[in-house]
C-alpha atoms as a PDB file:
ATOM      1  CA  MET A   1    -186.865 -48.243 154.128  1.00  0.00           C
ATOM      2  CA  PRO A   2    -187.423 -44.555 154.476  1.00  0.00           C
ATOM      3  CA  GLU A   3    -186.887 -42.982 157.897  1.00  0.00           C
ATOM      4  CA  ALA A   4    -189.751 -41.311 159.646  1.00  0.00           C
ATOM      5  CA  THR A   5    -189.371 -37.619 159.773  1.00  0.00           C
ATOM      6  CA  THR A   6    -190.863 -35.499 162.447  1.00  0.00           C
ATOM      7  CA  ARG A   7    -192.005 -32.082 161.594  1.00  0.00           C
ATOM      8  CA  ALA A   8    -191.478 -29.271 164.012  1.00  0.00           C
ATOM      9  CA  PRO A   9    -194.687 -27.525 165.038  1.00  0.00           C
ATOM     10  CA  ASP A  10    -195.325 -24.066 163.698  1.00  0.00           C
ATOM     11  CA  PRO A  11    -194.346 -21.649 166.511  1.00  0.00           C
ATOM     12  CA  GLY A  12    -196.978 -19.129 165.408  1.00  0.00           C
ATOM     13  CA  LEU A  13    -199.785 -21.750 165.466  1.00  0.00           C
ATOM     14  CA  THR A  14    -198.609 -23.081 168.869  1.00  0.00           C
ATOM     15  CA  ALA A  15    -198.682 -19.564 170.390  1.00  0.00           C
ATOM     16  CA  PHE A  16    -202.097 -18.915 168.866  1.00  0.00           C
ATOM     17  CA  LEU A  17    -203.540 -22.102 170.359  1.00  0.00           C
ATOM     18  CA  LYS A  18    -202.047 -21.404 173.750  1.00  0.00           C
ATOM     19  CA  GLY A  19    -203.539 -17.917 173.641  1.00  0.00           C
ATOM     20  CA  MET A  20    -206.951 -19.325 172.755  1.00  0.00           C
ATOM     21  CA  MET A  21    -206.824 -21.777 175.630  1.00  0.00           C
ATOM     22  CA  MET A  22    -205.958 -19.028 178.067  1.00  0.00           C
ATOM     23  CA  LYS A  23    -208.825 -16.866 176.767  1.00  0.00           C
ATOM     24  CA  ARG A  24    -211.202 -19.813 177.149  1.00  0.00           C
ATOM     25  CA  ARG A  25    -210.037 -20.416 180.756  1.00  0.00           C
ATOM     26  CA  LEU A  26    -210.378 -16.784 181.605  1.00  0.00           C
ATOM     27  CA  LEU A  27    -213.899 -16.662 180.113  1.00  0.00           C
ATOM     28  CA  VAL A  28    -214.939 -19.726 182.150  1.00  0.00           C
ATOM     29  CA  LEU A  29    -213.488 -18.183 185.292  1.00  0.00           C
ATOM     30  CA  LEU A  30    -215.319 -14.886 184.654  1.00  0.00           C
ATOM     31  CA  VAL A  31    -218.654 -16.634 184.068  1.00  0.00           C
ATOM     32  CA  PHE A  32    -218.349 -18.607 187.317  1.00  0.00           C
ATOM     33  CA  CYS A  33    -217.413 -15.441 189.217  1.00  0.00           C
ATOM     34  CA  PHE A  34    -220.390 -13.566 187.764  1.00  0.00           C
ATOM     35  CA  PHE A  35    -222.900 -16.299 188.692  1.00  0.00           C
ATOM     36  CA  GLY A  36    -221.269 -16.691 192.096  1.00  0.00           C
ATOM     37  CA  LEU A  37    -221.520 -12.996 192.956  1.00  0.00           C
ATOM     38  CA  ALA A  38    -224.701 -11.993 191.118  1.00  0.00           C
ATOM     39  CA  GLY A  39    -228.216 -12.269 192.351  1.00  0.00           C
ATOM     40  CA  CYS A  40    -229.723 -12.378 195.840  1.00  0.00           C
ATOM     41  CA  THR A  41    -227.974 -13.775 198.854  1.00  0.00           C
ATOM     42  CA  THR A  42    -229.919 -14.903 201.942  1.00  0.00           C
ATOM     43  CA  ILE A  43    -228.157 -14.653 205.288  1.00  0.00           C
ATOM     44  CA  GLY A  44    -229.548 -16.399 208.363  1.00  0.00           C
ATOM     45  CA  PRO A  45    -231.777 -17.461 209.944  1.00  0.00           C
ATOM     46  CA  PHE A  46    -231.000 -15.507 213.063  1.00  0.00           C
ATOM     47  CA  VAL A  47    -232.971 -14.768 216.286  1.00  0.00           C
ATOM     48  CA  THR A  48    -234.723 -11.386 216.222  1.00  0.00           C
ATOM     49  CA  ASP A  49    -236.774 -11.522 219.419  1.00  0.00           C
ATOM     50  CA  VAL A  50    -236.955 -13.616 222.599  1.00  0.00           C
ATOM     51  CA  TYR A  51    -239.601 -13.054 225.251  1.00  0.00           C
ATOM     52  CA  TYR A  52    -242.058 -14.725 227.659  1.00  0.00           C
ATOM     53  CA  ASP A  53    -245.764 -14.527 226.923  1.00  0.00           C
ATOM     54  CA  SER A  54    -248.513 -14.162 229.500  1.00  0.00           C
ATOM     55  CA  ASP A  55    -248.663 -17.912 230.143  1.00  0.00           C
ATOM     56  CA  GLY A  56    -244.925 -18.139 230.859  1.00  0.00           C
ATOM     57  CA  ASN A  57    -244.030 -19.745 227.508  1.00  0.00           C
ATOM     58  CA  LEU A  58    -240.743 -18.861 225.866  1.00  0.00           C
ATOM     59  CA  VAL A  59    -241.382 -17.299 222.411  1.00  0.00           C
ATOM     60  CA  VAL A  60    -238.460 -17.079 219.919  1.00  0.00           C
ATOM     61  CA  THR A  61    -238.800 -15.244 216.587  1.00  0.00           C
ATOM     62  CA  LYS A  62    -236.364 -15.969 213.805  1.00  0.00           C
ATOM     63  CA  ASN A  63    -235.888 -14.144 210.439  1.00  0.00           C
ATOM     64  CA  VAL A  64    -233.433 -13.826 207.556  1.00  0.00           C
ATOM     65  CA  ILE A  65    -231.695 -10.931 205.734  1.00  0.00           C
ATOM     66  CA  LYS A  66    -231.740 -10.697 201.940  1.00  0.00           C
ATOM     67  CA  HIS A  67    -228.994  -8.879 200.058  1.00  0.00           C
ATOM     68  CA  ASP A  68    -229.641  -7.923 196.441  1.00  0.00           C
ATOM     69  CA  SER A  69    -226.295  -7.060 194.818  1.00  0.00           C
ATOM     70  CA  PHE A  70    -227.880  -5.770 191.634  1.00  0.00           C
ATOM     71  CA  ASN A  71    -229.907  -3.105 193.375  1.00  0.00           C
ATOM     72  CA  GLY A  72    -227.574  -2.695 196.395  1.00  0.00           C
ATOM     73  CA  THR A  73    -230.425  -3.207 198.872  1.00  0.00           C
ATOM     74  CA  ILE A  74    -230.551  -5.101 202.124  1.00  0.00           C
ATOM     75  CA  SER A  75    -233.961  -6.128 203.436  1.00  0.00           C
ATOM     76  CA  VAL A  76    -235.380  -8.238 206.228  1.00  0.00           C
ATOM     77  CA  GLY A  77    -237.123 -11.475 205.180  1.00  0.00           C
ATOM     78  CA  ASP A  78    -240.848 -11.514 204.456  1.00  0.00           C
ATOM     79  CA  ASN A  79    -241.879 -14.402 206.723  1.00  0.00           C
ATOM     80  CA  PRO A  80    -240.539 -14.411 210.258  1.00  0.00           C
ATOM     81  CA  GLN A  81    -240.736 -17.797 212.002  1.00  0.00           C
ATOM     82  CA  THR A  82    -242.069 -17.867 215.528  1.00  0.00           C
ATOM     83  CA  ILE A  83    -241.281 -20.791 217.827  1.00  0.00           C
ATOM     84  CA  VAL A  84    -243.205 -21.231 221.106  1.00  0.00           C
ATOM     85  CA  ASN A  85    -241.666 -23.439 223.786  1.00  0.00           C
ATOM     86  CA  LYS A  86    -244.508 -24.486 226.033  1.00  0.00           C
ATOM     87  CA  ARG A  87    -243.833 -24.277 229.689  1.00  0.00           C
ATOM     88  CA  THR A  88    -244.154 -27.615 231.473  1.00  0.00           C
ATOM     89  CA  LYS A  89    -245.552 -27.619 234.946  1.00  0.00           C
END
């Protein structure tokens, strides 16, 4: 019965495949970093104003900040939210 022979892997091919796997991992990492850091980021909501109105009700105004990393701009949100806490007598 003939003995099974094992062939040693080609060192050049093994190094090539390892290099390809590292390049693929690096590409996947770069794509995830790009999508994680790109685009708009919304921060908030946070309280912008607190005051009492003429009836003695507490009025709280909230808003958000938008950061656009492509343009490098920071802006205040377009729709502030106002909450009125009615005074109970």
